[in-house]
Amino acid sequence: MHIFYSPHEIDQTVFRSCYQTLTHTHEADMSTANTSLCALILFTLTACGGGGGGDTTQTNVSNNTSTETSTDTSNDTTTNTSDNNAGNSGDNTSTDTSTDTTDTVQAEDTVTYQLTFTRTWEADNFPTNFPGNSHFSPLVGLTHNADGFIFKPDTSASAGMVSMAETGSKFQLKEEISAIQNAGNSNYLIDESGVSGSAKSVTFTFEASQAFSLLSVVSMVAPSPDWFIGLESLPLFTDNQWLESQTIQLKVYDAGSDSGTRFGSANQATNPADPIMLLTSDPADSDFSAGVHSDSGAYIGMIEIKLMQ
């Protein structure tokens, strides 16, 4: 029959055997080798905690397991969860939300602008043959798409543009703008007063939409053969943003329909007509070169545009 001892029982048995061997003198005939072996076992057991080795080992295992579990569960798991939450729920969610919000925010489809036209054409800065009754004719224009323009440099002027540039009348040009609107290329007509000799500026509002976000407006430089100022297809909406404000210095154009060289020249029809171009004249006739003062570079007027909030 085999007898099995638990680790605890083995430790106690060996301890008692070695103790008896070392302490009982009547067993002095034990060999020196046995005595040394028992002494070594006794020393080892004593150093490891004696008969409590099993409990200590169990306690250590229990403590180690508990500590590791606690560390893994409370620190690692909590930290990972916290990090993941911070990374996913916090940073990523915040970033995604911000990006999504930016992507989904759309600019208003229709807005209102204020436009102020100010004349800077005076006898002291444009003295050569400056006319006594200088003025600008009533302004006419439109908001439009790329196909709805009313003039372009280096192209022939329409009949309505010629009439406006030579006489200041806007009737025929307004009819042309109406046709542009009927074709689906414009949605707003600008029909405003001009700037008389005693006035310095005129201010008005107009509407623009994303579909028709280009601005064109013209006025005759009067008196003159066929000279005018104007904005040509100024973009108001780009990159999903409306233009907040802008100041545009105005140059003088020659409509190409009259060959007169001075402000008060008699009508001299140009046949065939020249394309629209910036005005350049003989210094003896006027001060203009490429649409501005030939010496100082001064402009004849300016337009300020501001988005209404």
C-alpha atoms as a PDB file:
ATOM      1  CA  MET A   1       0.000   0.000   0.000  1.00  0.00           C
ATOM      2  CA  HIS A   2       1.272   3.446  -0.918  1.00  0.00           C
ATOM      3  CA  ILE A   3       0.976   6.347   1.473  1.00  0.00           C
ATOM      4  CA  PHE A   4       0.615   9.838   0.013  1.00  0.00           C
ATOM      5  CA  TYR A   5       1.509  12.928   1.918  1.00  0.00           C
ATOM      6  CA  SER A   6       0.437  16.405   1.201  1.00  0.00           C
ATOM      7  CA  PRO A   7       3.235  18.935   0.723  1.00  0.00           C
ATOM      8  CA  HIS A   8       2.419  20.261   4.176  1.00  0.00           C
ATOM      9  CA  GLU A   9       2.650  16.798   5.780  1.00  0.00           C
ATOM     10  CA  ILE A  10       5.922  16.057   3.984  1.00  0.00           C
ATOM     11  CA  ASP A  11       7.442  19.241   5.264  1.00  0.00           C
ATOM     12  CA  GLN A  12       6.376  18.457   8.854  1.00  0.00           C
ATOM     13  CA  THR A  13       7.630  14.863   8.641  1.00  0.00           C
ATOM     14  CA  VAL A  14      11.015  15.757   7.256  1.00  0.00           C
ATOM     15  CA  PHE A  15      11.389  18.543   9.755  1.00  0.00           C
ATOM     16  CA  ARG A  16      10.657  16.203  12.718  1.00  0.00           C
ATOM     17  CA  SER A  17      13.000  13.538  11.352  1.00  0.00           C
ATOM     18  CA  CYS A  18      15.885  15.939  10.896  1.00  0.00           C
ATOM     19  CA  TYR A  19      15.255  17.550  14.216  1.00  0.00           C
ATOM     20  CA  GLN A  20      15.342  14.197  16.013  1.00  0.00           C
ATOM     21  CA  THR A  21      18.499  13.209  14.186  1.00  0.00           C
ATOM     22  CA  LEU A  22      20.299  16.343  15.226  1.00  0.00           C
ATOM     23  CA  THR A  23      19.019  16.560  18.798  1.00  0.00           C
ATOM     24  CA  HIS A  24      18.899  12.992  20.150  1.00  0.00           C
ATOM     25  CA  THR A  25      22.333  11.837  21.214  1.00  0.00           C
ATOM     26  CA  HIS A  26      21.375   8.167  21.459  1.00  0.00           C
ATOM     27  CA  GLU A  27      21.314   8.094  17.640  1.00  0.00           C
ATOM     28  CA  ALA A  28      24.949   9.192  17.426  1.00  0.00           C
ATOM     29  CA  ASP A  29      25.718   6.209  15.239  1.00  0.00           C
ATOM     30  CA  MET A  30      23.982   8.030  12.290  1.00  0.00           C
ATOM     31  CA  SER A  31      26.435   8.547   9.531  1.00  0.00           C
ATOM     32  CA  THR A  32      27.978  11.945   9.007  1.00  0.00           C
ATOM     33  CA  ALA A  33      26.398  12.071   5.533  1.00  0.00           C
ATOM     34  CA  ASN A  34      22.875  11.635   6.922  1.00  0.00           C
ATOM     35  CA  THR A  35      23.550  14.231   9.567  1.00  0.00           C
ATOM     36  CA  SER A  36      24.756  16.736   6.963  1.00  0.00           C
ATOM     37  CA  LEU A  37      21.815  16.014   4.684  1.00  0.00           C
ATOM     38  CA  CYS A  38      19.316  16.560   7.485  1.00  0.00           C
ATOM     39  CA  ALA A  39      21.063  19.722   8.524  1.00  0.00           C
ATOM     40  CA  LEU A  40      20.844  21.024   4.974  1.00  0.00           C
ATOM     41  CA  ILE A  41      17.132  20.166   4.700  1.00  0.00           C
ATOM     42  CA  LEU A  42      16.423  21.742   8.084  1.00  0.00           C
ATOM     43  CA  PHE A  43      18.310  24.886   7.108  1.00  0.00           C
ATOM     44  CA  THR A  44      16.444  25.083   3.799  1.00  0.00           C
ATOM     45  CA  LEU A  45      13.012  24.636   5.356  1.00  0.00           C
ATOM     46  CA  THR A  46      13.793  27.125   8.079  1.00  0.00           C
ATOM     47  CA  ALA A  47      14.965  29.694   5.543  1.00  0.00           C
ATOM     48  CA  CYS A  48      11.784  29.182   3.473  1.00  0.00           C
ATOM     49  CA  GLY A  49       9.487  29.673   6.442  1.00  0.00           C
ATOM     50  CA  GLY A  50       9.446  26.217   7.975  1.00  0.00           C
ATOM     51  CA  GLY A  51       6.215  24.360   8.191  1.00  0.00           C
ATOM     52  CA  GLY A  52       4.238  27.344   6.873  1.00  0.00           C
ATOM     53  CA  GLY A  53       5.760  27.054   3.369  1.00  0.00           C
ATOM     54  CA  GLY A  54       2.600  25.704   1.811  1.00  0.00           C
ATOM     55  CA  ASP A  55       0.467  28.420   3.293  1.00  0.00           C
ATOM     56  CA  THR A  56       2.976  31.064   2.344  1.00  0.00           C
ATOM     57  CA  THR A  57       3.128  29.780  -1.194  1.00  0.00           C
ATOM     58  CA  GLN A  58      -0.628  29.688  -1.355  1.00  0.00           C
ATOM     59  CA  THR A  59      -0.803  33.151   0.104  1.00  0.00           C
ATOM     60  CA  ASN A  60       1.751  34.386  -2.362  1.00  0.00           C
ATOM     61  CA  VAL A  61      -0.142  32.830  -5.213  1.00  0.00           C
ATOM     62  CA  SER A  62      -3.334  34.283  -3.904  1.00  0.00           C
ATOM     63  CA  ASN A  63      -1.754  37.685  -3.412  1.00  0.00           C
ATOM     64  CA  ASN A  64       0.026  37.606  -6.741  1.00  0.00           C
ATOM     65  CA  THR A  65      -3.085  36.522  -8.526  1.00  0.00           C
ATOM     66  CA  SER A  66      -5.138  39.140  -6.774  1.00  0.00           C
ATOM     67  CA  THR A  67      -2.571  41.835  -7.426  1.00  0.00           C
ATOM     68  CA  GLU A  68      -2.164  40.946 -11.072  1.00  0.00           C
ATOM     69  CA  THR A  69      -5.880  40.669 -11.565  1.00  0.00           C
ATOM     70  CA  SER A  70      -6.438  43.950  -9.811  1.00  0.00           C
ATOM     71  CA  THR A  71      -3.709  45.618 -11.802  1.00  0.00           C
ATOM     72  CA  ASP A  72      -4.871  44.192 -15.091  1.00  0.00           C
ATOM     73  CA  THR A  73      -8.496  44.864 -14.391  1.00  0.00           C
ATOM     74  CA  SER A  74      -8.375  48.211 -12.682  1.00  0.00           C
ATOM     75  CA  ASN A  75      -5.335  49.772 -14.285  1.00  0.00           C
ATOM     76  CA  ASP A  76      -4.938  48.235 -17.712  1.00  0.00           C
ATOM     77  CA  THR A  77      -8.607  47.796 -18.458  1.00  0.00           C
ATOM     78  CA  THR A  78      -9.590  51.126 -17.002  1.00  0.00           C
ATOM     79  CA  THR A  79      -6.708  52.898 -18.668  1.00  0.00           C
ATOM     80  CA  ASN A  80      -7.419  51.307 -22.010  1.00  0.00           C
ATOM     81  CA  THR A  81     -11.085  52.079 -21.699  1.00  0.00           C
ATOM     82  CA  SER A  82     -10.291  55.612 -20.689  1.00  0.00           C
ATOM     83  CA  ASP A  83      -7.766  55.996 -23.474  1.00  0.00           C
ATOM     84  CA  ASN A  84     -10.108  54.451 -25.986  1.00  0.00           C
ATOM     85  CA  ASN A  85     -12.936  56.617 -24.805  1.00  0.00           C
ATOM     86  CA  ALA A  86     -10.725  59.655 -24.901  1.00  0.00           C
ATOM     87  CA  GLY A  87      -9.409  58.732 -28.302  1.00  0.00           C
ATOM     88  CA  ASN A  88     -12.649  57.573 -29.838  1.00  0.00           C
ATOM     89  CA  SER A  89     -15.415  59.298 -27.973  1.00  0.00           C
ATOM     90  CA  GLY A  90     -13.497  62.440 -27.206  1.00  0.00           C
ATOM     91  CA  ASP A  91     -10.966  63.417 -29.849  1.00  0.00           C
ATOM     92  CA  ASN A  92     -12.359  61.508 -32.800  1.00  0.00           C
ATOM     93  CA  THR A  93     -15.952  62.360 -32.067  1.00  0.00           C
ATOM     94  CA  SER A  94     -15.064  66.000 -31.601  1.00  0.00           C
ATOM     95  CA  THR A  95     -13.026  66.079 -34.781  1.00  0.00           C
ATOM     96  CA  ASP A  96     -15.617  64.217 -36.797  1.00  0.00           C
ATOM     97  CA  THR A  97     -18.390  66.425 -35.494  1.00  0.00           C
ATOM     98  CA  SER A  98     -16.436  69.544 -36.331  1.00  0.00           C
ATOM     99  CA  THR A  99     -15.643  68.278 -39.805  1.00  0.00           C
ATOM    100  CA  ASP A 100     -19.190  67.142 -40.433  1.00  0.00           C
ATOM    101  CA  THR A 101     -20.542  70.474 -39.237  1.00  0.00           C
ATOM    102  CA  THR A 102     -18.185  72.358 -41.528  1.00  0.00           C
ATOM    103  CA  ASP A 103     -19.119  70.154 -44.460  1.00  0.00           C
ATOM    104  CA  THR A 104     -22.853  70.497 -43.877  1.00  0.00           C
ATOM    105  CA  VAL A 105     -22.986  74.238 -43.228  1.00  0.00           C
ATOM    106  CA  GLN A 106     -24.106  75.924 -46.409  1.00  0.00           C
ATOM    107  CA  ALA A 107     -23.899  79.589 -47.296  1.00  0.00           C
ATOM    108  CA  GLU A 108     -27.145  81.447 -47.823  1.00  0.00           C
ATOM    109  CA  ASP A 109     -28.531  81.022 -51.293  1.00  0.00           C
ATOM    110  CA  THR A 110     -29.548  84.667 -51.679  1.00  0.00           C
ATOM    111  CA  VAL A 111     -27.904  87.700 -50.089  1.00  0.00           C
ATOM    112  CA  THR A 112     -28.126  91.474 -50.246  1.00  0.00           C
ATOM    113  CA  TYR A 113     -25.245  93.811 -50.973  1.00  0.00           C
ATOM    114  CA  GLN A 114     -24.815  97.523 -50.571  1.00  0.00           C
ATOM    115  CA  LEU A 115     -23.017  99.290 -53.407  1.00  0.00           C
ATOM    116  CA  THR A 116     -21.601 102.801 -53.244  1.00  0.00           C
ATOM    117  CA  PHE A 117     -20.250 104.490 -56.354  1.00  0.00           C
ATOM    118  CA  THR A 118     -18.031 107.495 -55.647  1.00  0.00           C
ATOM    119  CA  ARG A 119     -16.648 109.832 -58.281  1.00  0.00           C
ATOM    120  CA  THR A 120     -13.019 110.942 -58.038  1.00  0.00           C
ATOM    121  CA  TRP A 121     -13.028 112.627 -61.444  1.00  0.00           C
ATOM    122  CA  GLU A 122     -12.398 116.312 -60.791  1.00  0.00           C
ATOM    123  CA  ALA A 123     -10.818 119.265 -62.583  1.00  0.00           C
ATOM    124  CA  ASP A 124      -7.857 119.362 -60.215  1.00  0.00           C
ATOM    125  CA  ASN A 125      -6.751 115.766 -60.910  1.00  0.00           C
ATOM    126  CA  PHE A 126      -7.920 115.475 -64.564  1.00  0.00           C
ATOM    127  CA  PRO A 127      -7.425 119.036 -65.805  1.00  0.00           C
ATOM    128  CA  THR A 128      -6.905 118.479 -69.548  1.00  0.00           C
ATOM    129  CA  ASN A 129     -10.078 119.633 -71.347  1.00  0.00           C
ATOM    130  CA  PHE A 130     -12.138 118.868 -68.234  1.00  0.00           C
ATOM    131  CA  PRO A 131     -15.817 119.457 -69.132  1.00  0.00           C
ATOM    132  CA  GLY A 132     -17.837 121.943 -67.153  1.00  0.00           C
ATOM    133  CA  ASN A 133     -20.921 119.709 -66.955  1.00  0.00           C
ATOM    134  CA  SER A 134     -19.129 116.494 -65.946  1.00  0.00           C
ATOM    135  CA  HIS A 135     -21.328 113.711 -64.549  1.00  0.00           C
ATOM    136  CA  PHE A 136     -22.019 109.984 -64.638  1.00  0.00           C
ATOM    137  CA  SER A 137     -25.202 108.657 -66.218  1.00  0.00           C
ATOM    138  CA  PRO A 138     -27.683 106.471 -64.298  1.00  0.00           C
ATOM    139  CA  LEU A 139     -26.140 103.116 -63.388  1.00  0.00           C
ATOM    140  CA  VAL A 140     -27.487  99.974 -64.996  1.00  0.00           C
ATOM    141  CA  GLY A 141     -26.396  96.390 -64.523  1.00  0.00           C
ATOM    142  CA  LEU A 142     -27.301  92.923 -63.305  1.00  0.00           C
ATOM    143  CA  THR A 143     -26.278  89.886 -61.292  1.00  0.00           C
ATOM    144  CA  HIS A 144     -25.734  86.977 -63.644  1.00  0.00           C
ATOM    145  CA  ASN A 145     -23.979  83.710 -64.441  1.00  0.00           C
ATOM    146  CA  ALA A 146     -21.067  83.205 -66.823  1.00  0.00           C
ATOM    147  CA  ASP A 147     -23.355  83.506 -69.858  1.00  0.00           C
ATOM    148  CA  GLY A 148     -25.150  86.650 -68.733  1.00  0.00           C
ATOM    149  CA  PHE A 149     -22.493  89.333 -69.272  1.00  0.00           C
ATOM    150  CA  ILE A 150     -23.323  92.703 -70.864  1.00  0.00           C
ATOM    151  CA  PHE A 151     -19.808  93.603 -72.020  1.00  0.00           C
ATOM    152  CA  LYS A 152     -16.336  92.163 -72.290  1.00  0.00           C
ATOM    153  CA  PRO A 153     -13.082  93.928 -73.188  1.00  0.00           C
ATOM    154  CA  ASP A 154     -11.730  93.075 -76.635  1.00  0.00           C
ATOM    155  CA  THR A 155     -15.191  92.208 -77.966  1.00  0.00           C
ATOM    156  CA  SER A 156     -17.703  94.335 -79.874  1.00  0.00           C
ATOM    157  CA  ALA A 157     -20.168  96.371 -77.825  1.00  0.00           C
ATOM    158  CA  SER A 158     -23.854  95.499 -78.087  1.00  0.00           C
ATOM    159  CA  ALA A 159     -26.341  98.070 -79.359  1.00  0.00           C
ATOM    160  CA  GLY A 160     -27.511  98.662 -75.812  1.00  0.00           C
ATOM    161  CA  MET A 161     -23.957  99.236 -74.591  1.00  0.00           C
ATOM    162  CA  VAL A 162     -23.288 101.655 -77.471  1.00  0.00           C
ATOM    163  CA  SER A 163     -26.431 103.623 -76.656  1.00  0.00           C
ATOM    164  CA  MET A 164     -25.489 103.805 -72.979  1.00  0.00           C
ATOM    165  CA  ALA A 165     -21.853 104.830 -73.714  1.00  0.00           C
ATOM    166  CA  GLU A 166     -22.772 107.499 -76.301  1.00  0.00           C
ATOM    167  CA  THR A 167     -25.924 109.025 -74.798  1.00  0.00           C
ATOM    168  CA  GLY A 168     -26.260 107.751 -71.227  1.00  0.00           C
ATOM    169  CA  SER A 169     -29.576 106.102 -72.067  1.00  0.00           C
ATOM    170  CA  LYS A 170     -30.205 102.779 -70.382  1.00  0.00           C
ATOM    171  CA  PHE A 171     -33.451 101.876 -72.149  1.00  0.00           C
ATOM    172  CA  GLN A 172     -31.981  99.633 -74.848  1.00  0.00           C
ATOM    173  CA  LEU A 173     -29.480  98.032 -72.461  1.00  0.00           C
ATOM    174  CA  LYS A 174     -32.289  97.184 -70.044  1.00  0.00           C
ATOM    175  CA  GLU A 175     -34.095  95.410 -72.877  1.00  0.00           C
ATOM    176  CA  GLU A 176     -30.978  93.359 -73.509  1.00  0.00           C
ATOM    177  CA  ILE A 177     -30.771  92.520 -69.808  1.00  0.00           C
ATOM    178  CA  SER A 178     -34.414  91.421 -69.911  1.00  0.00           C
ATOM    179  CA  ALA A 179     -33.533  89.032 -72.729  1.00  0.00           C
ATOM    180  CA  ILE A 180     -30.619  87.705 -70.671  1.00  0.00           C
ATOM    181  CA  GLN A 181     -33.012  87.053 -67.797  1.00  0.00           C
ATOM    182  CA  ASN A 182     -35.510  85.306 -70.048  1.00  0.00           C
ATOM    183  CA  ALA A 183     -32.704  83.023 -71.186  1.00  0.00           C
ATOM    184  CA  GLY A 184     -32.127  82.034 -67.548  1.00  0.00           C
ATOM    185  CA  ASN A 185     -28.771  83.787 -67.142  1.00  0.00           C
ATOM    186  CA  SER A 186     -29.703  86.580 -64.715  1.00  0.00           C
ATOM    187  CA  ASN A 187     -32.134  87.170 -61.889  1.00  0.00           C
ATOM    188  CA  TYR A 188     -31.627  90.770 -60.743  1.00  0.00           C
ATOM    189  CA  LEU A 189     -31.669  94.069 -62.637  1.00  0.00           C
ATOM    190  CA  ILE A 190     -29.744  97.069 -61.317  1.00  0.00           C
ATOM    191  CA  ASP A 191     -31.463 100.291 -62.357  1.00  0.00           C
ATOM    192  CA  GLU A 192     -30.220 103.211 -60.288  1.00  0.00           C
ATOM    193  CA  SER A 193     -29.500 106.910 -60.526  1.00  0.00           C
ATOM    194  CA  GLY A 194     -26.167 108.341 -61.571  1.00  0.00           C
ATOM    195  CA  VAL A 195     -23.889 110.965 -60.020  1.00  0.00           C
ATOM    196  CA  SER A 196     -24.509 114.533 -61.098  1.00  0.00           C
ATOM    197  CA  GLY A 197     -21.914 117.271 -61.206  1.00  0.00           C
ATOM    198  CA  SER A 198     -22.657 118.452 -57.674  1.00  0.00           C
ATOM    199  CA  ALA A 199     -22.976 114.998 -56.122  1.00  0.00           C
ATOM    200  CA  LYS A 200     -20.093 112.846 -55.015  1.00  0.00           C
ATOM    201  CA  SER A 201     -21.640 109.399 -54.703  1.00  0.00           C
ATOM    202  CA  VAL A 202     -24.703 107.198 -54.966  1.00  0.00           C
ATOM    203  CA  THR A 203     -25.593 104.233 -52.745  1.00  0.00           C
ATOM    204  CA  PHE A 204     -28.095 101.439 -53.308  1.00  0.00           C
ATOM    205  CA  THR A 205     -28.662  97.753 -52.554  1.00  0.00           C
ATOM    206  CA  PHE A 206     -29.033  94.757 -54.826  1.00  0.00           C
ATOM    207  CA  GLU A 207     -29.554  91.013 -54.497  1.00  0.00           C
ATOM    208  CA  ALA A 208     -27.346  88.150 -55.627  1.00  0.00           C
ATOM    209  CA  SER A 209     -27.817  84.388 -55.519  1.00  0.00           C
ATOM    210  CA  GLN A 210     -25.423  81.465 -55.760  1.00  0.00           C
ATOM    211  CA  ALA A 211     -26.715  80.677 -59.240  1.00  0.00           C
ATOM    212  CA  PHE A 212     -26.189  84.275 -60.372  1.00  0.00           C
ATOM    213  CA  SER A 213     -23.199  85.462 -58.377  1.00  0.00           C
ATOM    214  CA  LEU A 214     -21.408  87.679 -60.912  1.00  0.00           C
ATOM    215  CA  LEU A 215     -21.893  91.446 -60.890  1.00  0.00           C
ATOM    216  CA  SER A 216     -21.756  93.785 -63.882  1.00  0.00           C
ATOM    217  CA  VAL A 217     -22.680  97.470 -63.782  1.00  0.00           C
ATOM    218  CA  VAL A 218     -21.930 100.393 -66.125  1.00  0.00           C
ATOM    219  CA  SER A 219     -22.304 104.168 -66.398  1.00  0.00           C
ATOM    220  CA  MET A 220     -21.431 106.699 -69.085  1.00  0.00           C
ATOM    221  CA  VAL A 221     -18.603 109.171 -68.502  1.00  0.00           C
ATOM    222  CA  ALA A 222     -20.426 112.304 -69.625  1.00  0.00           C
ATOM    223  CA  PRO A 223     -20.049 114.154 -71.752  1.00  0.00           C
ATOM    224  CA  SER A 224     -17.849 111.981 -73.968  1.00  0.00           C
ATOM    225  CA  PRO A 225     -17.851 110.359 -77.415  1.00  0.00           C
ATOM    226  CA  ASP A 226     -18.451 106.778 -76.156  1.00  0.00           C
ATOM    227  CA  TRP A 227     -16.564 106.429 -72.869  1.00  0.00           C
ATOM    228  CA  PHE A 228     -17.856 104.575 -69.831  1.00  0.00           C
ATOM    229  CA  ILE A 229     -16.873 103.031 -66.518  1.00  0.00           C
ATOM    230  CA  GLY A 230     -17.947  99.596 -65.384  1.00  0.00           C
ATOM    231  CA  LEU A 231     -17.522  96.375 -63.470  1.00  0.00           C
ATOM    232  CA  GLU A 232     -17.375  93.288 -65.643  1.00  0.00           C
ATOM    233  CA  SER A 233     -18.410  89.939 -64.115  1.00  0.00           C
ATOM    234  CA  LEU A 234     -17.108  90.585 -60.596  1.00  0.00           C
ATOM    235  CA  PRO A 235     -17.396  87.289 -58.627  1.00  0.00           C
ATOM    236  CA  LEU A 236     -19.363  87.615 -55.394  1.00  0.00           C
ATOM    237  CA  PHE A 237     -19.479  83.935 -54.376  1.00  0.00           C
ATOM    238  CA  THR A 238     -16.465  81.599 -54.395  1.00  0.00           C
ATOM    239  CA  ASP A 239     -15.499  78.486 -52.390  1.00  0.00           C
ATOM    240  CA  ASN A 240     -18.891  78.382 -50.657  1.00  0.00           C
ATOM    241  CA  GLN A 241     -18.385  81.903 -49.301  1.00  0.00           C
ATOM    242  CA  TRP A 242     -19.910  85.243 -50.119  1.00  0.00           C
ATOM    243  CA  LEU A 243     -17.610  88.190 -50.665  1.00  0.00           C
ATOM    244  CA  GLU A 244     -17.681  90.267 -47.469  1.00  0.00           C
ATOM    245  CA  SER A 245     -16.540  93.570 -48.937  1.00  0.00           C
ATOM    246  CA  GLN A 246     -14.405  94.968 -51.708  1.00  0.00           C
ATOM    247  CA  THR A 247     -13.344  98.313 -53.124  1.00  0.00           C
ATOM    248  CA  ILE A 248     -12.768  98.473 -56.869  1.00  0.00           C
ATOM    249  CA  GLN A 249     -10.994 101.363 -58.545  1.00  0.00           C
ATOM    250  CA  LEU A 250     -12.657 102.110 -61.871  1.00  0.00           C
ATOM    251  CA  LYS A 251     -10.942 102.545 -65.210  1.00  0.00           C
ATOM    252  CA  VAL A 252     -12.414 104.210 -68.290  1.00  0.00           C
ATOM    253  CA  TYR A 253     -13.394 102.132 -71.338  1.00  0.00           C
ATOM    254  CA  ASP A 254     -13.869 103.175 -74.962  1.00  0.00           C
ATOM    255  CA  ALA A 255     -16.911 101.448 -76.489  1.00  0.00           C
ATOM    256  CA  GLY A 256     -15.307 101.568 -79.960  1.00  0.00           C
ATOM    257  CA  SER A 257     -18.331 103.117 -81.676  1.00  0.00           C
ATOM    258  CA  ASP A 258     -17.203 106.763 -81.924  1.00  0.00           C
ATOM    259  CA  SER A 259     -13.848 108.175 -82.985  1.00  0.00           C
ATOM    260  CA  GLY A 260     -14.094 111.446 -81.025  1.00  0.00           C
ATOM    261  CA  THR A 261     -10.968 112.300 -79.020  1.00  0.00           C
ATOM    262  CA  ARG A 262     -12.199 114.846 -76.466  1.00  0.00           C
ATOM    263  CA  PHE A 263     -15.060 115.036 -73.952  1.00  0.00           C
ATOM    264  CA  GLY A 264     -17.059 117.445 -76.118  1.00  0.00           C
ATOM    265  CA  SER A 265     -16.164 116.077 -79.547  1.00  0.00           C
ATOM    266  CA  ALA A 266     -18.898 115.921 -82.198  1.00  0.00           C
ATOM    267  CA  ASN A 267     -20.199 112.502 -83.176  1.00  0.00           C
ATOM    268  CA  GLN A 268     -17.776 110.620 -85.430  1.00  0.00           C
ATOM    269  CA  ALA A 269     -19.075 107.104 -85.965  1.00  0.00           C
ATOM    270  CA  THR A 270     -16.366 104.466 -86.168  1.00  0.00           C
ATOM    271  CA  ASN A 271     -16.981 102.152 -89.104  1.00  0.00           C
ATOM    272  CA  PRO A 272     -16.367  99.328 -88.656  1.00  0.00           C
ATOM    273  CA  ALA A 273     -16.596  99.579 -84.909  1.00  0.00           C
ATOM    274  CA  ASP A 274     -13.592  98.810 -82.767  1.00  0.00           C
ATOM    275  CA  PRO A 275     -13.752  96.350 -79.870  1.00  0.00           C
ATOM    276  CA  ILE A 276     -14.193  97.620 -76.327  1.00  0.00           C
ATOM    277  CA  MET A 277     -10.848  98.633 -74.818  1.00  0.00           C
ATOM    278  CA  LEU A 278      -9.368 100.755 -72.066  1.00  0.00           C
ATOM    279  CA  LEU A 279      -9.251 104.403 -73.068  1.00  0.00           C
ATOM    280  CA  THR A 280      -5.962 105.843 -74.279  1.00  0.00           C
ATOM    281  CA  SER A 281      -5.898 109.308 -75.847  1.00  0.00           C
ATOM    282  CA  ASP A 282      -3.471 111.933 -77.019  1.00  0.00           C
ATOM    283  CA  PRO A 283      -2.192 113.965 -74.022  1.00  0.00           C
ATOM    284  CA  ALA A 284      -3.483 117.095 -75.740  1.00  0.00           C
ATOM    285  CA  ASP A 285      -7.027 115.704 -75.754  1.00  0.00           C
ATOM    286  CA  SER A 286      -7.411 114.097 -72.311  1.00  0.00           C
ATOM    287  CA  ASP A 287      -5.363 112.725 -69.434  1.00  0.00           C
ATOM    288  CA  PHE A 288      -6.157 109.041 -70.010  1.00  0.00           C
ATOM    289  CA  SER A 289      -3.847 106.152 -70.787  1.00  0.00           C
ATOM    290  CA  ALA A 290      -5.038 102.552 -70.372  1.00  0.00           C
ATOM    291  CA  GLY A 291      -8.075 103.846 -68.513  1.00  0.00           C
ATOM    292  CA  VAL A 292      -6.267 105.866 -65.815  1.00  0.00           C
ATOM    293  CA  HIS A 293      -4.465 109.205 -65.604  1.00  0.00           C
ATOM    294  CA  SER A 294      -1.431 108.964 -67.870  1.00  0.00           C
ATOM    295  CA  ASP A 295       0.904 110.642 -65.355  1.00  0.00           C
ATOM    296  CA  SER A 296      -0.467 110.139 -61.847  1.00  0.00           C
ATOM    297  CA  GLY A 297      -2.284 106.840 -62.387  1.00  0.00           C
ATOM    298  CA  ALA A 298      -5.371 108.336 -60.719  1.00  0.00           C
ATOM    299  CA  TYR A 299      -8.742 106.629 -61.194  1.00  0.00           C
ATOM    300  CA  ILE A 300     -11.923 108.344 -62.286  1.00  0.00           C
ATOM    301  CA  GLY A 301     -14.079 106.704 -59.616  1.00  0.00           C
ATOM    302  CA  MET A 302     -14.516 103.719 -57.322  1.00  0.00           C
ATOM    303  CA  ILE A 303     -17.146 101.233 -56.245  1.00  0.00           C
ATOM    304  CA  GLU A 304     -17.403  99.846 -52.721  1.00  0.00           C
ATOM    305  CA  ILE A 305     -19.366  96.657 -52.143  1.00  0.00           C
ATOM    306  CA  LYS A 306     -20.402  95.409 -48.706  1.00  0.00           C
ATOM    307  CA  LEU A 307     -22.387  92.313 -47.755  1.00  0.00           C
ATOM    308  CA  MET A 308     -25.442  93.218 -45.676  1.00  0.00           C
ATOM    309  CA  GLN A 309     -25.765  91.143 -42.467  1.00  0.00           C
END
